[in-house]
């Protein structure tokens, strides 16, 4: 599967805001967005006026990069969201938030979603007592997510919890950080998603 293996900080700078792709670094003075508030590249400092399509495209790219999904995956999420009764943009974000790697990140068990994807992929996470190594697995209400692994990795995850303790765990998750365990209390609501995202622009983009 293809992945963008370039510097994460360039992606944040391209979108003009912190996407929290580098974990603890994003909270320090070393953050690239704080140091260089312009897009990367030779002409990054020049601010070009975007068309309506450009604005919609940038919003879609931003959400893709926040959750670390590929174009085809993202489109599939949108198609599924459009087929479900309700507000398409909100349902799209709900699906992305319910991904297992996103849940592990939101609980503070990983410094970034990329780290969370690795924790899940290396078979360190169980859902309702069964090991799950698929980062795109969608959790549902009453699911119990738990980290089950060796002492070395468990200590590393507890260190991550300490580093990320300033991040607030979303209200739809009930965390037991001491035991690296959590319960999905309910479906995530739009107000639980705190990123500055205008999902309606994405709906308009795919509705062209």
N, C-alpha and C. Protein backbone atom coordinates (compact mmCIF):
# COMPACT_ATOMS: atom_id res chain seq x y z
N UNK A 1 0.84 -1.19 0.00
CA UNK A 1 0.00 0.00 0.00
C UNK A 1 0.88 1.24 0.00
N UNK A 2 0.55 2.22 -0.85
CA UNK A 2 1.34 3.43 -0.93
C UNK A 2 1.13 4.35 0.27
N UNK A 3 2.19 4.98 0.69
CA UNK A 3 2.11 5.93 1.79
C UNK A 3 2.99 7.13 1.48
N UNK A 4 2.63 8.29 2.00
CA UNK A 4 3.47 9.48 1.86
C UNK A 4 4.56 9.38 2.91
N UNK A 5 5.79 9.11 2.46
CA UNK A 5 6.90 8.92 3.38
C UNK A 5 7.74 10.18 3.55
N UNK A 6 7.26 11.29 3.05
CA UNK A 6 7.98 12.56 3.20
C UNK A 6 7.83 13.14 4.59
N UNK A 7 8.48 14.27 4.86
CA UNK A 7 8.41 14.90 6.18
C UNK A 7 6.98 15.29 6.56
N UNK A 8 6.55 14.88 7.75
CA UNK A 8 5.19 15.19 8.21
C UNK A 8 4.97 16.69 8.37
N UNK A 9 6.00 17.39 8.81
CA UNK A 9 5.85 18.83 9.07
C UNK A 9 5.52 19.61 7.79
N UNK A 10 5.97 19.12 6.64
CA UNK A 10 5.64 19.78 5.37
C UNK A 10 4.13 19.72 5.12
N UNK A 11 3.50 18.62 5.54
CA UNK A 11 2.05 18.47 5.34
C UNK A 11 1.30 19.50 6.18
N UNK A 12 1.75 19.68 7.42
CA UNK A 12 1.11 20.69 8.29
C UNK A 12 1.28 22.09 7.70
N UNK A 13 2.50 22.38 7.25
CA UNK A 13 2.77 23.70 6.68
C UNK A 13 1.96 23.93 5.42
N UNK A 14 1.76 22.87 4.64
CA UNK A 14 0.98 23.01 3.40
C UNK A 14 -0.47 23.39 3.70
N UNK A 15 -1.01 22.86 4.81
CA UNK A 15 -2.39 23.18 5.18
C UNK A 15 -2.49 24.43 6.05
N UNK A 16 -1.33 24.94 6.48
CA UNK A 16 -1.32 26.18 7.24
C UNK A 16 -1.77 26.08 8.68
N UNK A 17 -1.78 24.86 9.22
CA UNK A 17 -2.16 24.68 10.63
C UNK A 17 -1.62 23.35 11.15
N UNK A 18 -1.62 23.21 12.47
CA UNK A 18 -1.12 21.99 13.08
C UNK A 18 -2.10 20.83 12.86
N UNK A 19 -1.59 19.74 12.31
CA UNK A 19 -2.38 18.52 12.14
C UNK A 19 -1.99 17.47 13.16
N UNK A 20 -1.02 17.79 14.01
CA UNK A 20 -0.55 16.91 15.10
C UNK A 20 -0.08 15.56 14.56
N UNK A 21 0.79 15.63 13.55
CA UNK A 21 1.32 14.42 12.92
C UNK A 21 2.63 13.95 13.54
N UNK A 22 3.26 14.82 14.35
CA UNK A 22 4.57 14.50 14.91
C UNK A 22 4.54 14.25 16.42
N UNK A 23 3.35 14.07 16.96
CA UNK A 23 3.26 13.76 18.38
C UNK A 23 3.67 14.91 19.28
N UNK A 24 4.55 14.63 20.25
CA UNK A 24 4.93 15.60 21.27
C UNK A 24 5.56 16.85 20.68
N UNK A 25 6.26 16.72 19.56
CA UNK A 25 6.93 17.87 18.93
C UNK A 25 5.94 18.99 18.59
N UNK A 26 4.70 18.61 18.26
CA UNK A 26 3.69 19.58 17.87
C UNK A 26 3.32 20.53 19.00
N UNK A 27 3.63 20.14 20.24
CA UNK A 27 3.26 20.95 21.40
C UNK A 27 4.43 21.82 21.88
N UNK A 28 5.54 21.79 21.17
CA UNK A 28 6.73 22.53 21.59
C UNK A 28 7.04 23.67 20.62
N UNK A 29 8.06 24.46 20.96
CA UNK A 29 8.49 25.57 20.11
C UNK A 29 9.16 25.08 18.82
N UNK A 30 9.45 23.78 18.75
CA UNK A 30 10.09 23.22 17.56
C UNK A 30 9.10 22.96 16.42
N UNK A 31 7.83 23.10 16.70
CA UNK A 31 6.80 22.85 15.68
C UNK A 31 7.06 23.71 14.44
N UNK A 32 7.10 23.08 13.28
CA UNK A 32 7.43 23.78 12.03
C UNK A 32 6.40 24.84 11.67
N UNK A 33 5.13 24.59 12.00
CA UNK A 33 4.08 25.57 11.67
C UNK A 33 4.28 26.85 12.47
N UNK A 34 4.71 26.70 13.73
CA UNK A 34 4.94 27.87 14.58
C UNK A 34 6.17 28.66 14.11
N UNK A 35 7.16 27.95 13.58
CA UNK A 35 8.41 28.60 13.17
C UNK A 35 8.33 29.19 11.77
N UNK A 36 7.60 28.51 10.87
CA UNK A 36 7.50 28.98 9.48
C UNK A 36 6.04 28.92 9.05
N UNK A 37 5.36 30.02 9.20
CA UNK A 37 3.92 30.06 8.92
C UNK A 37 3.62 30.31 7.45
N UNK A 38 4.21 29.49 6.60
CA UNK A 38 3.93 29.57 5.17
C UNK A 38 4.15 28.19 4.57
N UNK A 39 3.60 27.98 3.38
CA UNK A 39 3.67 26.67 2.73
C UNK A 39 5.11 26.33 2.35
N UNK A 40 5.44 25.03 2.27
CA UNK A 40 6.80 24.64 1.90
C UNK A 40 7.06 24.89 0.42
N UNK A 41 8.33 24.83 0.03
CA UNK A 41 8.68 24.98 -1.37
C UNK A 41 9.17 26.38 -1.71
N UNK A 42 9.69 26.52 -2.92
CA UNK A 42 10.31 27.77 -3.36
C UNK A 42 9.34 28.94 -3.35
N UNK A 43 8.07 28.68 -3.69
CA UNK A 43 7.08 29.75 -3.78
C UNK A 43 6.08 29.72 -2.63
N UNK A 44 6.44 29.02 -1.55
CA UNK A 44 5.51 28.84 -0.44
C UNK A 44 5.10 30.13 0.25
N UNK A 45 6.00 31.10 0.29
CA UNK A 45 5.70 32.35 0.99
C UNK A 45 4.69 33.22 0.23
N UNK A 46 4.51 32.94 -1.06
CA UNK A 46 3.56 33.71 -1.86
C UNK A 46 2.16 33.12 -1.67
N UNK A 47 1.25 33.95 -1.23
CA UNK A 47 -0.12 33.48 -0.99
C UNK A 47 -0.98 33.71 -2.22
N UNK A 48 -1.34 32.62 -2.87
CA UNK A 48 -2.19 32.71 -4.07
C UNK A 48 -3.66 32.60 -3.66
N UNK A 49 -4.52 33.33 -4.35
CA UNK A 49 -5.95 33.26 -4.07
C UNK A 49 -6.51 31.97 -4.65
N UNK A 50 -7.21 31.20 -3.81
CA UNK A 50 -7.75 29.91 -4.23
C UNK A 50 -9.15 30.06 -4.83
N UNK A 51 -9.44 29.23 -5.82
CA UNK A 51 -10.80 29.17 -6.37
C UNK A 51 -11.67 28.37 -5.40
N UNK A 52 -12.97 28.30 -5.67
CA UNK A 52 -13.87 27.50 -4.83
C UNK A 52 -13.43 26.04 -4.82
N UNK A 53 -13.04 25.55 -6.00
CA UNK A 53 -12.56 24.16 -6.09
C UNK A 53 -11.30 23.98 -5.25
N UNK A 54 -10.40 24.95 -5.32
CA UNK A 54 -9.15 24.87 -4.56
C UNK A 54 -9.40 24.83 -3.06
N UNK A 55 -10.36 25.63 -2.58
CA UNK A 55 -10.71 25.65 -1.16
C UNK A 55 -11.27 24.30 -0.73
N UNK A 56 -12.16 23.74 -1.57
CA UNK A 56 -12.75 22.43 -1.26
C UNK A 56 -11.69 21.34 -1.26
N UNK A 57 -10.79 21.40 -2.23
CA UNK A 57 -9.72 20.40 -2.33
C UNK A 57 -8.80 20.46 -1.12
N UNK A 58 -8.43 21.66 -0.70
CA UNK A 58 -7.54 21.81 0.46
C UNK A 58 -8.19 21.24 1.72
N UNK A 59 -9.50 21.42 1.86
CA UNK A 59 -10.20 20.90 3.05
C UNK A 59 -10.19 19.37 3.04
N UNK A 60 -10.41 18.80 1.85
CA UNK A 60 -10.38 17.33 1.74
C UNK A 60 -8.99 16.79 2.04
N UNK A 61 -7.97 17.45 1.49
CA UNK A 61 -6.60 17.02 1.73
C UNK A 61 -6.23 17.12 3.21
N UNK A 62 -6.71 18.16 3.86
CA UNK A 62 -6.42 18.36 5.28
C UNK A 62 -6.99 17.20 6.12
N UNK A 63 -8.25 16.85 5.87
CA UNK A 63 -8.88 15.76 6.64
C UNK A 63 -8.20 14.43 6.34
N UNK A 64 -7.86 14.19 5.08
CA UNK A 64 -7.13 12.98 4.71
C UNK A 64 -5.83 12.86 5.49
N UNK A 65 -5.11 13.97 5.60
CA UNK A 65 -3.81 13.95 6.26
C UNK A 65 -3.94 13.85 7.78
N UNK A 66 -4.98 14.43 8.34
CA UNK A 66 -5.21 14.31 9.78
C UNK A 66 -5.37 12.84 10.16
N UNK A 67 -6.18 12.12 9.39
CA UNK A 67 -6.48 10.72 9.72
C UNK A 67 -5.57 9.71 9.04
N UNK A 68 -4.69 10.19 8.17
CA UNK A 68 -3.70 9.32 7.55
C UNK A 68 -4.27 8.25 6.63
N UNK A 69 -5.29 8.61 5.85
CA UNK A 69 -5.89 7.64 4.92
C UNK A 69 -5.56 8.03 3.48
N UNK A 70 -5.62 7.05 2.59
CA UNK A 70 -5.32 7.28 1.18
C UNK A 70 -6.57 7.76 0.44
N UNK A 71 -6.37 8.21 -0.79
CA UNK A 71 -7.46 8.79 -1.57
C UNK A 71 -8.61 7.80 -1.77
N UNK A 72 -8.28 6.57 -2.16
CA UNK A 72 -9.34 5.59 -2.42
C UNK A 72 -10.09 5.24 -1.14
N UNK A 73 -9.35 5.10 -0.03
CA UNK A 73 -10.00 4.84 1.26
C UNK A 73 -10.95 5.97 1.61
N UNK A 74 -10.47 7.20 1.45
CA UNK A 74 -11.27 8.36 1.82
C UNK A 74 -12.54 8.42 0.98
N UNK A 75 -12.41 8.18 -0.31
CA UNK A 75 -13.59 8.20 -1.19
C UNK A 75 -14.59 7.12 -0.78
N UNK A 76 -14.09 5.94 -0.41
CA UNK A 76 -14.97 4.86 0.04
C UNK A 76 -15.72 5.24 1.31
N UNK A 77 -15.01 5.94 2.22
CA UNK A 77 -15.69 6.42 3.43
C UNK A 77 -16.81 7.39 3.06
N UNK A 78 -16.53 8.26 2.08
CA UNK A 78 -17.55 9.23 1.68
C UNK A 78 -18.75 8.53 1.04
N UNK A 79 -18.49 7.56 0.16
CA UNK A 79 -19.59 6.84 -0.50
C UNK A 79 -20.47 6.14 0.54
N UNK A 80 -19.83 5.54 1.54
CA UNK A 80 -20.59 4.86 2.59
C UNK A 80 -21.39 5.88 3.40
N UNK A 81 -20.76 7.02 3.73
CA UNK A 81 -21.45 8.06 4.50
C UNK A 81 -22.66 8.61 3.74
N UNK A 82 -22.50 8.76 2.42
CA UNK A 82 -23.59 9.29 1.59
C UNK A 82 -24.77 8.33 1.51
N UNK A 83 -24.50 7.03 1.72
CA UNK A 83 -25.56 6.02 1.63
C UNK A 83 -26.33 5.85 2.95
N UNK A 84 -25.84 6.50 4.02
CA UNK A 84 -26.48 6.39 5.33
C UNK A 84 -27.36 7.61 5.57
N UNK A 85 -28.53 7.41 6.13
CA UNK A 85 -29.45 8.51 6.39
C UNK A 85 -28.87 9.44 7.45
N UNK A 86 -28.85 10.72 7.16
CA UNK A 86 -28.30 11.69 8.10
C UNK A 86 -27.47 12.73 7.37
N UNK A 87 -26.70 13.51 8.13
CA UNK A 87 -25.83 14.55 7.57
C UNK A 87 -24.55 13.89 7.08
N UNK A 88 -24.33 13.89 5.78
CA UNK A 88 -23.22 13.15 5.17
C UNK A 88 -21.86 13.54 5.75
N UNK A 89 -21.61 14.84 5.88
CA UNK A 89 -20.31 15.29 6.38
C UNK A 89 -20.04 14.82 7.79
N UNK A 90 -21.05 14.87 8.65
CA UNK A 90 -20.90 14.43 10.04
C UNK A 90 -20.66 12.92 10.10
N UNK A 91 -21.39 12.17 9.30
CA UNK A 91 -21.23 10.71 9.28
C UNK A 91 -19.83 10.34 8.79
N UNK A 92 -19.32 11.10 7.81
CA UNK A 92 -17.97 10.87 7.30
C UNK A 92 -16.94 11.02 8.43
N UNK A 93 -17.04 12.11 9.19
CA UNK A 93 -16.11 12.34 10.29
C UNK A 93 -16.27 11.31 11.39
N UNK A 94 -17.51 10.87 11.64
CA UNK A 94 -17.75 9.83 12.64
C UNK A 94 -17.03 8.55 12.28
N UNK A 95 -17.09 8.18 11.00
CA UNK A 95 -16.41 6.95 10.56
C UNK A 95 -14.90 7.06 10.77
N UNK A 96 -14.35 8.20 10.44
CA UNK A 96 -12.90 8.40 10.60
C UNK A 96 -12.50 8.38 12.07
N UNK A 97 -13.32 8.97 12.94
CA UNK A 97 -13.03 8.98 14.37
C UNK A 97 -13.13 7.58 14.97
N UNK A 98 -13.99 6.74 14.42
CA UNK A 98 -14.21 5.39 14.95
C UNK A 98 -13.16 4.38 14.51
N UNK A 99 -12.27 4.78 13.62
CA UNK A 99 -11.18 3.88 13.24
C UNK A 99 -10.37 3.50 14.49
N UNK A 100 -9.90 2.27 14.55
CA UNK A 100 -9.21 1.80 15.75
C UNK A 100 -7.92 2.59 16.00
N UNK A 101 -7.18 2.92 14.94
CA UNK A 101 -5.95 3.70 15.15
C UNK A 101 -6.27 5.09 15.69
N UNK A 102 -7.40 5.67 15.25
CA UNK A 102 -7.81 6.98 15.74
C UNK A 102 -8.23 6.90 17.21
N UNK A 103 -8.89 5.81 17.59
CA UNK A 103 -9.30 5.61 18.98
C UNK A 103 -8.08 5.49 19.88
N UNK A 104 -7.10 4.69 19.46
CA UNK A 104 -5.86 4.51 20.24
C UNK A 104 -5.15 5.85 20.40
N UNK A 105 -5.15 6.67 19.35
CA UNK A 105 -4.53 7.99 19.43
C UNK A 105 -5.30 8.90 20.38
N UNK A 106 -6.63 8.93 20.25
CA UNK A 106 -7.45 9.80 21.09
C UNK A 106 -7.35 9.45 22.57
N UNK A 107 -7.08 8.19 22.86
CA UNK A 107 -6.94 7.75 24.25
C UNK A 107 -5.58 8.13 24.82
N UNK A 108 -4.67 8.58 23.97
CA UNK A 108 -3.33 8.95 24.43
C UNK A 108 -2.38 7.78 24.50
N UNK A 109 -2.77 6.61 23.97
CA UNK A 109 -1.90 5.43 24.00
C UNK A 109 -0.77 5.55 22.97
N UNK A 110 -0.87 6.53 22.07
CA UNK A 110 0.15 6.76 21.05
C UNK A 110 0.33 8.26 20.88
N UNK A 111 1.55 8.68 20.50
CA UNK A 111 1.85 10.10 20.36
C UNK A 111 1.25 10.71 19.10
N UNK A 112 1.04 9.88 18.09
CA UNK A 112 0.47 10.35 16.83
C UNK A 112 -0.35 9.22 16.22
N UNK A 113 -1.13 9.54 15.21
CA UNK A 113 -1.92 8.48 14.57
C UNK A 113 -1.03 7.48 13.84
N UNK A 114 0.10 7.94 13.36
CA UNK A 114 1.05 7.02 12.72
C UNK A 114 1.57 6.01 13.73
N UNK A 115 1.90 6.47 14.95
CA UNK A 115 2.32 5.56 16.01
C UNK A 115 1.18 4.62 16.39
N UNK A 116 -0.04 5.16 16.44
CA UNK A 116 -1.21 4.34 16.79
C UNK A 116 -1.43 3.24 15.75
N UNK A 117 -1.22 3.58 14.48
CA UNK A 117 -1.37 2.58 13.41
C UNK A 117 -0.36 1.45 13.59
N UNK A 118 0.84 1.82 14.04
CA UNK A 118 1.88 0.81 14.26
C UNK A 118 1.53 -0.08 15.46
N UNK A 119 1.03 0.53 16.52
CA UNK A 119 0.63 -0.24 17.71
C UNK A 119 -0.45 -1.26 17.36
N UNK A 120 -1.42 -0.83 16.57
CA UNK A 120 -2.50 -1.74 16.16
C UNK A 120 -1.97 -2.80 15.20
N UNK A 121 -1.18 -2.37 14.22
CA UNK A 121 -0.66 -3.30 13.21
C UNK A 121 0.25 -4.37 13.78
N UNK A 122 0.91 -4.08 14.91
CA UNK A 122 1.80 -5.05 15.54
C UNK A 122 1.09 -5.95 16.54
N UNK A 123 -0.24 -5.93 16.47
CA UNK A 123 -1.07 -6.88 17.24
C UNK A 123 -1.03 -6.63 18.75
N UNK A 124 -0.93 -5.35 19.14
CA UNK A 124 -0.87 -5.02 20.56
C UNK A 124 -2.24 -4.63 21.14
N UNK A 125 -3.27 -4.57 20.29
CA UNK A 125 -4.58 -4.06 20.74
C UNK A 125 -5.65 -5.13 20.58
N UNK A 126 -6.53 -5.20 21.58
CA UNK A 126 -7.65 -6.13 21.50
C UNK A 126 -8.96 -5.35 21.62
N UNK A 127 -9.99 -5.85 20.98
CA UNK A 127 -11.34 -5.28 21.07
C UNK A 127 -12.26 -6.38 21.57
N UNK A 128 -12.87 -6.14 22.72
CA UNK A 128 -13.73 -7.15 23.36
C UNK A 128 -13.00 -8.47 23.58
N UNK A 129 -11.71 -8.38 23.95
CA UNK A 129 -10.93 -9.58 24.26
C UNK A 129 -10.29 -10.26 23.08
N UNK A 130 -10.57 -9.81 21.86
CA UNK A 130 -10.00 -10.44 20.66
C UNK A 130 -8.99 -9.49 20.01
N UNK A 131 -7.84 -10.01 19.65
CA UNK A 131 -6.79 -9.20 19.02
C UNK A 131 -7.28 -8.68 17.67
N UNK A 132 -7.02 -7.41 17.42
CA UNK A 132 -7.36 -6.78 16.14
C UNK A 132 -6.13 -6.04 15.65
N UNK A 133 -5.66 -6.38 14.45
CA UNK A 133 -4.47 -5.71 13.91
C UNK A 133 -4.78 -4.93 12.63
N UNK A 134 -6.04 -4.53 12.49
CA UNK A 134 -6.47 -3.75 11.32
C UNK A 134 -6.76 -2.32 11.77
N UNK A 135 -5.90 -1.34 11.42
CA UNK A 135 -6.10 0.05 11.87
C UNK A 135 -7.44 0.65 11.47
N UNK A 136 -8.02 0.19 10.34
CA UNK A 136 -9.27 0.78 9.85
C UNK A 136 -10.51 0.13 10.49
N UNK A 137 -10.31 -0.80 11.42
CA UNK A 137 -11.45 -1.44 12.11
C UNK A 137 -12.29 -0.37 12.79
N UNK A 138 -13.61 -0.40 12.59
CA UNK A 138 -14.50 0.60 13.17
C UNK A 138 -15.10 0.10 14.48
N UNK A 139 -14.83 0.81 15.56
CA UNK A 139 -15.39 0.42 16.85
C UNK A 139 -16.85 0.86 16.92
N UNK A 140 -17.60 0.28 17.83
CA UNK A 140 -19.01 0.63 18.02
C UNK A 140 -19.31 0.75 19.50
N UNK A 141 -20.45 1.33 19.88
CA UNK A 141 -20.78 1.50 21.30
C UNK A 141 -20.69 0.19 22.07
N UNK A 142 -20.17 0.30 23.30
CA UNK A 142 -19.99 -0.81 24.25
C UNK A 142 -18.77 -1.68 23.95
N UNK A 143 -18.02 -1.37 22.89
CA UNK A 143 -16.77 -2.08 22.64
C UNK A 143 -15.75 -1.71 23.72
N UNK A 144 -14.94 -2.69 24.13
CA UNK A 144 -13.87 -2.45 25.09
C UNK A 144 -12.54 -2.59 24.36
N UNK A 145 -11.77 -1.52 24.34
CA UNK A 145 -10.47 -1.49 23.66
C UNK A 145 -9.38 -1.58 24.73
N UNK A 146 -8.43 -2.50 24.53
CA UNK A 146 -7.40 -2.71 25.53
C UNK A 146 -6.06 -3.02 24.87
N UNK A 147 -5.00 -2.50 25.47
CA UNK A 147 -3.66 -2.81 24.99
C UNK A 147 -3.17 -4.04 25.73
N UNK A 148 -2.86 -5.10 24.98
CA UNK A 148 -2.36 -6.35 25.57
C UNK A 148 -1.02 -6.67 24.92
N UNK A 149 0.05 -6.52 25.67
CA UNK A 149 1.37 -6.72 25.07
C UNK A 149 2.40 -6.99 26.16
N UNK A 150 3.66 -7.09 25.74
CA UNK A 150 4.73 -7.36 26.70
C UNK A 150 5.03 -6.12 27.54
N UNK A 151 5.79 -6.31 28.62
CA UNK A 151 6.06 -5.25 29.58
C UNK A 151 6.79 -4.07 28.94
N UNK A 152 7.72 -4.35 28.01
CA UNK A 152 8.50 -3.29 27.39
C UNK A 152 7.61 -2.34 26.60
N UNK A 153 6.75 -2.90 25.76
CA UNK A 153 5.85 -2.07 24.94
C UNK A 153 4.82 -1.37 25.82
N UNK A 154 4.36 -2.06 26.86
CA UNK A 154 3.38 -1.48 27.77
C UNK A 154 3.96 -0.26 28.49
N UNK A 155 5.22 -0.34 28.86
CA UNK A 155 5.89 0.80 29.50
C UNK A 155 6.00 1.98 28.54
N UNK A 156 6.27 1.66 27.26
CA UNK A 156 6.36 2.71 26.24
C UNK A 156 5.01 3.40 26.06
N UNK A 157 3.94 2.61 26.08
CA UNK A 157 2.60 3.17 25.92
C UNK A 157 2.22 4.02 27.13
N UNK A 158 2.61 3.58 28.32
CA UNK A 158 2.33 4.38 29.53
C UNK A 158 3.13 5.68 29.49
N UNK A 159 4.32 5.64 28.91
CA UNK A 159 5.11 6.86 28.74
C UNK A 159 4.40 7.81 27.77
N UNK A 160 3.78 7.24 26.72
CA UNK A 160 3.01 8.06 25.77
C UNK A 160 1.84 8.73 26.47
N UNK A 161 1.17 8.00 27.37
CA UNK A 161 0.04 8.54 28.11
C UNK A 161 0.49 9.76 28.93
N UNK A 162 1.68 9.65 29.51
CA UNK A 162 2.22 10.75 30.32
C UNK A 162 2.52 11.96 29.44
N UNK A 163 3.07 11.70 28.24
CA UNK A 163 3.42 12.78 27.32
C UNK A 163 2.16 13.49 26.81
N UNK A 164 1.11 12.71 26.55
CA UNK A 164 -0.10 13.25 25.92
C UNK A 164 -1.21 13.57 26.92
N UNK A 165 -0.88 13.62 28.20
CA UNK A 165 -1.93 13.80 29.22
C UNK A 165 -2.64 15.15 29.10
N UNK A 166 -2.01 16.13 28.42
CA UNK A 166 -2.65 17.43 28.22
C UNK A 166 -3.79 17.34 27.20
N UNK A 167 -3.76 16.31 26.35
CA UNK A 167 -4.85 16.12 25.39
C UNK A 167 -6.07 15.56 26.11
N UNK A 168 -7.20 16.15 25.84
CA UNK A 168 -8.44 15.70 26.49
C UNK A 168 -9.03 14.52 25.74
N UNK A 169 -9.36 13.45 26.49
CA UNK A 169 -9.99 12.28 25.87
C UNK A 169 -11.43 12.65 25.51
N UNK A 170 -11.87 12.38 24.26
CA UNK A 170 -13.24 12.72 23.85
C UNK A 170 -14.28 12.09 24.77
N UNK A 171 -15.42 12.77 24.89
CA UNK A 171 -16.48 12.33 25.82
C UNK A 171 -17.10 11.00 25.41
N UNK A 172 -16.95 10.60 24.15
CA UNK A 172 -17.57 9.34 23.72
C UNK A 172 -16.72 8.12 24.08
N UNK A 173 -15.54 8.38 24.66
CA UNK A 173 -14.66 7.31 25.12
C UNK A 173 -14.48 7.42 26.64
N UNK A 174 -14.53 6.29 27.31
CA UNK A 174 -14.33 6.24 28.76
C UNK A 174 -13.00 5.54 29.02
N UNK A 175 -11.98 6.32 29.38
CA UNK A 175 -10.62 5.80 29.46
C UNK A 175 -10.25 5.33 30.86
N UNK A 176 -9.51 4.22 30.90
CA UNK A 176 -8.88 3.72 32.13
C UNK A 176 -7.39 3.66 31.82
N UNK A 177 -6.73 4.83 31.89
CA UNK A 177 -5.34 4.94 31.46
C UNK A 177 -4.40 4.06 32.28
N UNK A 178 -4.71 3.87 33.56
CA UNK A 178 -3.85 3.08 34.44
C UNK A 178 -3.73 1.64 33.94
N UNK A 179 -4.81 1.14 33.36
CA UNK A 179 -4.82 -0.24 32.85
C UNK A 179 -4.76 -0.31 31.33
N UNK A 180 -4.49 0.84 30.68
CA UNK A 180 -4.43 0.91 29.20
C UNK A 180 -5.68 0.28 28.59
N UNK A 181 -6.81 0.75 29.07
CA UNK A 181 -8.08 0.16 28.67
C UNK A 181 -9.10 1.27 28.48
N UNK A 182 -10.12 1.05 27.67
CA UNK A 182 -11.17 2.05 27.46
C UNK A 182 -12.44 1.39 26.95
N UNK A 183 -13.53 2.10 27.15
CA UNK A 183 -14.83 1.63 26.65
C UNK A 183 -15.43 2.68 25.73
N UNK A 184 -16.03 2.24 24.64
CA UNK A 184 -16.73 3.15 23.73
C UNK A 184 -18.13 3.35 24.30
N UNK A 185 -18.38 4.54 24.83
CA UNK A 185 -19.65 4.82 25.52
C UNK A 185 -20.79 5.04 24.53
N UNK A 186 -20.50 5.74 23.46
CA UNK A 186 -21.51 6.07 22.45
C UNK A 186 -20.84 6.42 21.13
N UNK A 187 -21.65 6.70 20.14
CA UNK A 187 -21.11 7.17 18.86
C UNK A 187 -20.58 8.59 19.04
N UNK A 188 -19.49 8.95 18.35
CA UNK A 188 -18.99 10.32 18.46
C UNK A 188 -19.96 11.32 17.84
N UNK A 189 -20.14 12.46 18.50
CA UNK A 189 -20.98 13.53 17.97
C UNK A 189 -20.09 14.55 17.27
N UNK A 190 -20.70 15.44 16.50
CA UNK A 190 -19.92 16.44 15.77
C UNK A 190 -19.13 17.33 16.72
N UNK A 191 -19.72 17.65 17.88
CA UNK A 191 -19.02 18.53 18.82
C UNK A 191 -17.85 17.84 19.51
N UNK A 192 -17.77 16.51 19.42
CA UNK A 192 -16.63 15.79 19.99
C UNK A 192 -15.38 15.92 19.12
N UNK A 193 -15.56 16.30 17.87
CA UNK A 193 -14.45 16.41 16.92
C UNK A 193 -14.00 17.87 16.90
N UNK A 194 -12.85 18.13 17.49
CA UNK A 194 -12.43 19.50 17.75
C UNK A 194 -11.56 20.12 16.66
N UNK A 195 -11.22 19.36 15.63
CA UNK A 195 -10.40 19.92 14.56
C UNK A 195 -11.17 21.00 13.80
N UNK A 196 -10.45 22.01 13.32
CA UNK A 196 -11.10 23.07 12.54
C UNK A 196 -11.34 22.58 11.12
N UNK A 197 -12.42 21.83 10.97
CA UNK A 197 -12.75 21.20 9.69
C UNK A 197 -14.13 21.65 9.24
N UNK A 198 -14.25 22.00 7.97
CA UNK A 198 -15.55 22.32 7.39
C UNK A 198 -15.91 21.17 6.44
N UNK A 199 -16.57 20.16 6.99
CA UNK A 199 -16.87 18.95 6.22
C UNK A 199 -17.82 19.20 5.06
N UNK A 200 -18.60 20.29 5.11
CA UNK A 200 -19.53 20.60 4.03
C UNK A 200 -18.78 20.87 2.73
N UNK A 201 -17.58 21.44 2.84
CA UNK A 201 -16.76 21.68 1.64
C UNK A 201 -16.38 20.37 0.96
N UNK A 202 -16.14 19.32 1.76
CA UNK A 202 -15.80 18.01 1.20
C UNK A 202 -17.00 17.42 0.49
N UNK A 203 -18.18 17.57 1.10
CA UNK A 203 -19.42 17.08 0.48
C UNK A 203 -19.63 17.78 -0.86
N UNK A 204 -19.41 19.09 -0.88
CA UNK A 204 -19.57 19.86 -2.13
C UNK A 204 -18.56 19.42 -3.19
N UNK A 205 -17.34 19.10 -2.76
CA UNK A 205 -16.31 18.66 -3.69
C UNK A 205 -16.71 17.36 -4.38
N UNK A 206 -17.16 16.38 -3.59
CA UNK A 206 -17.52 15.09 -4.16
C UNK A 206 -18.87 15.11 -4.86
N UNK A 207 -19.64 16.18 -4.66
CA UNK A 207 -20.95 16.28 -5.31
C UNK A 207 -20.88 17.00 -6.65
N UNK A 208 -19.68 17.38 -7.08
CA UNK A 208 -19.53 18.10 -8.35
C UNK A 208 -19.91 17.23 -9.53
